[in-house]
Amino acid sequence: MFMEIAISAIGIGVVLMVGYLVISQVRSSLQNSTLDSATNASLLSTQAVVFSGFGLIAVGIIVLAAFGLISIFK
């Protein structure tokens, strides 16, 4: 059971990182053209939300691994 949850969490983490990279590439390409401050702020906000989601998934994987180790050594 722990392995299935860990694999799905890793998959979600990969999707979040790809989303973060896509948003950063869109933001950098839009900076070369006309980019107003509202659009820049919203793209920075989206990047921060995606990155924090990736951090939460990473913490979840660490906690899941800890519970798995505890159950192994019981």
C-alpha atoms as a PDB file:
ATOM      1  CA  MET A   1       0.000   0.000   0.000  1.00  0.00           C
ATOM      2  CA  PHE A   2       2.817   2.395   0.809  1.00  0.00           C
ATOM      3  CA  MET A   3       4.459   1.745  -2.535  1.00  0.00           C
ATOM      4  CA  GLU A   4       1.341   2.648  -4.547  1.00  0.00           C
ATOM      5  CA  ILE A   5       0.885   5.890  -2.638  1.00  0.00           C
ATOM      6  CA  ALA A   6       4.562   6.752  -3.000  1.00  0.00           C
ATOM      7  CA  ILE A   7       4.522   6.097  -6.752  1.00  0.00           C
ATOM      8  CA  SER A   8       1.434   8.254  -7.231  1.00  0.00           C
ATOM      9  CA  ALA A   9       2.949  11.031  -5.098  1.00  0.00           C
ATOM     10  CA  ILE A  10       6.114  10.938  -7.197  1.00  0.00           C
ATOM     11  CA  GLY A  11       3.981  11.150 -10.333  1.00  0.00           C
ATOM     12  CA  ILE A  12       2.127  14.169  -8.981  1.00  0.00           C
ATOM     13  CA  GLY A  13       5.450  15.758  -8.043  1.00  0.00           C
ATOM     14  CA  VAL A  14       6.774  15.264 -11.571  1.00  0.00           C
ATOM     15  CA  VAL A  15       3.641  16.827 -13.041  1.00  0.00           C
ATOM     16  CA  LEU A  16       3.983  19.803 -10.687  1.00  0.00           C
ATOM     17  CA  MET A  17       7.621  20.318 -11.610  1.00  0.00           C
ATOM     18  CA  VAL A  18       6.807  20.203 -15.321  1.00  0.00           C
ATOM     19  CA  GLY A  19       4.060  22.761 -14.688  1.00  0.00           C
ATOM     20  CA  TYR A  20       6.532  24.963 -12.823  1.00  0.00           C
ATOM     21  CA  LEU A  21       8.976  24.785 -15.720  1.00  0.00           C
ATOM     22  CA  VAL A  22       6.249  25.558 -18.267  1.00  0.00           C
ATOM     23  CA  ILE A  23       5.070  28.597 -16.281  1.00  0.00           C
ATOM     24  CA  SER A  24       8.635  29.882 -15.932  1.00  0.00           C
ATOM     25  CA  GLN A  25       9.235  29.478 -19.679  1.00  0.00           C
ATOM     26  CA  VAL A  26       5.992  31.284 -20.497  1.00  0.00           C
ATOM     27  CA  ARG A  27       6.926  34.087 -18.117  1.00  0.00           C
ATOM     28  CA  SER A  28      10.411  34.457 -19.592  1.00  0.00           C
ATOM     29  CA  SER A  29       9.087  34.475 -23.152  1.00  0.00           C
ATOM     30  CA  LEU A  30       6.421  37.040 -22.270  1.00  0.00           C
ATOM     31  CA  GLN A  31       9.003  39.312 -20.676  1.00  0.00           C
ATOM     32  CA  ASN A  32      10.595  39.754 -24.088  1.00  0.00           C
ATOM     33  CA  SER A  33       7.285  41.073 -25.390  1.00  0.00           C
ATOM     34  CA  THR A  34       4.996  43.526 -23.649  1.00  0.00           C
ATOM     35  CA  LEU A  35       4.243  42.291 -20.134  1.00  0.00           C
ATOM     36  CA  ASP A  36       2.271  44.452 -17.734  1.00  0.00           C
ATOM     37  CA  SER A  37       2.683  44.288 -13.986  1.00  0.00           C
ATOM     38  CA  ALA A  38      -0.611  42.457 -13.371  1.00  0.00           C
ATOM     39  CA  THR A  39       0.325  39.636 -15.730  1.00  0.00           C
ATOM     40  CA  ASN A  40       3.799  39.413 -14.225  1.00  0.00           C
ATOM     41  CA  ALA A  41       2.369  39.273 -10.699  1.00  0.00           C
ATOM     42  CA  SER A  42      -0.129  36.577 -11.624  1.00  0.00           C
ATOM     43  CA  LEU A  43       2.552  34.452 -13.289  1.00  0.00           C
ATOM     44  CA  LEU A  44       4.800  34.825 -10.229  1.00  0.00           C
ATOM     45  CA  SER A  45       1.877  33.847  -8.022  1.00  0.00           C
ATOM     46  CA  THR A  46       1.143  30.783 -10.151  1.00  0.00           C
ATOM     47  CA  GLN A  47       4.790  29.782 -10.003  1.00  0.00           C
ATOM     48  CA  ALA A  48       4.805  30.095  -6.219  1.00  0.00           C
ATOM     49  CA  VAL A  49       1.642  27.999  -5.859  1.00  0.00           C
ATOM     50  CA  VAL A  50       2.988  25.229  -8.082  1.00  0.00           C
ATOM     51  CA  PHE A  51       6.328  25.230  -6.275  1.00  0.00           C
ATOM     52  CA  SER A  52       4.664  25.087  -2.854  1.00  0.00           C
ATOM     53  CA  GLY A  53       2.515  22.190  -4.061  1.00  0.00           C
ATOM     54  CA  PHE A  54       5.698  20.400  -5.081  1.00  0.00           C
ATOM     55  CA  GLY A  55       7.120  21.034  -1.607  1.00  0.00           C
ATOM     56  CA  LEU A  56       4.008  19.596   0.030  1.00  0.00           C
ATOM     57  CA  ILE A  57       4.227  16.476  -2.101  1.00  0.00           C
ATOM     58  CA  ALA A  58       7.910  16.102  -1.155  1.00  0.00           C
ATOM     59  CA  VAL A  59       7.065  16.372   2.548  1.00  0.00           C
ATOM     60  CA  GLY A  60       4.276  13.836   2.063  1.00  0.00           C
ATOM     61  CA  ILE A  61       6.707  11.386   0.476  1.00  0.00           C
ATOM     62  CA  ILE A  62       9.121  11.820   3.398  1.00  0.00           C
ATOM     63  CA  VAL A  63       6.357  11.219   5.952  1.00  0.00           C
ATOM     64  CA  LEU A  64       5.122   8.209   3.998  1.00  0.00           C
ATOM     65  CA  ALA A  65       8.626   6.753   3.920  1.00  0.00           C
ATOM     66  CA  ALA A  66       8.942   7.279   7.679  1.00  0.00           C
ATOM     67  CA  PHE A  67       5.679   5.439   8.345  1.00  0.00           C
ATOM     68  CA  GLY A  68       6.801   2.657   6.017  1.00  0.00           C
ATOM     69  CA  LEU A  69      10.081   2.258   7.902  1.00  0.00           C
ATOM     70  CA  ILE A  70       8.281   2.263  11.229  1.00  0.00           C
ATOM     71  CA  SER A  71       5.920  -0.464  10.044  1.00  0.00           C
ATOM     72  CA  ILE A  72       8.834  -2.541   8.710  1.00  0.00           C
ATOM     73  CA  PHE A  73      10.766  -2.467  11.996  1.00  0.00           C
ATOM     74  CA  LYS A  74       7.760  -3.187  14.243  1.00  0.00           C
END
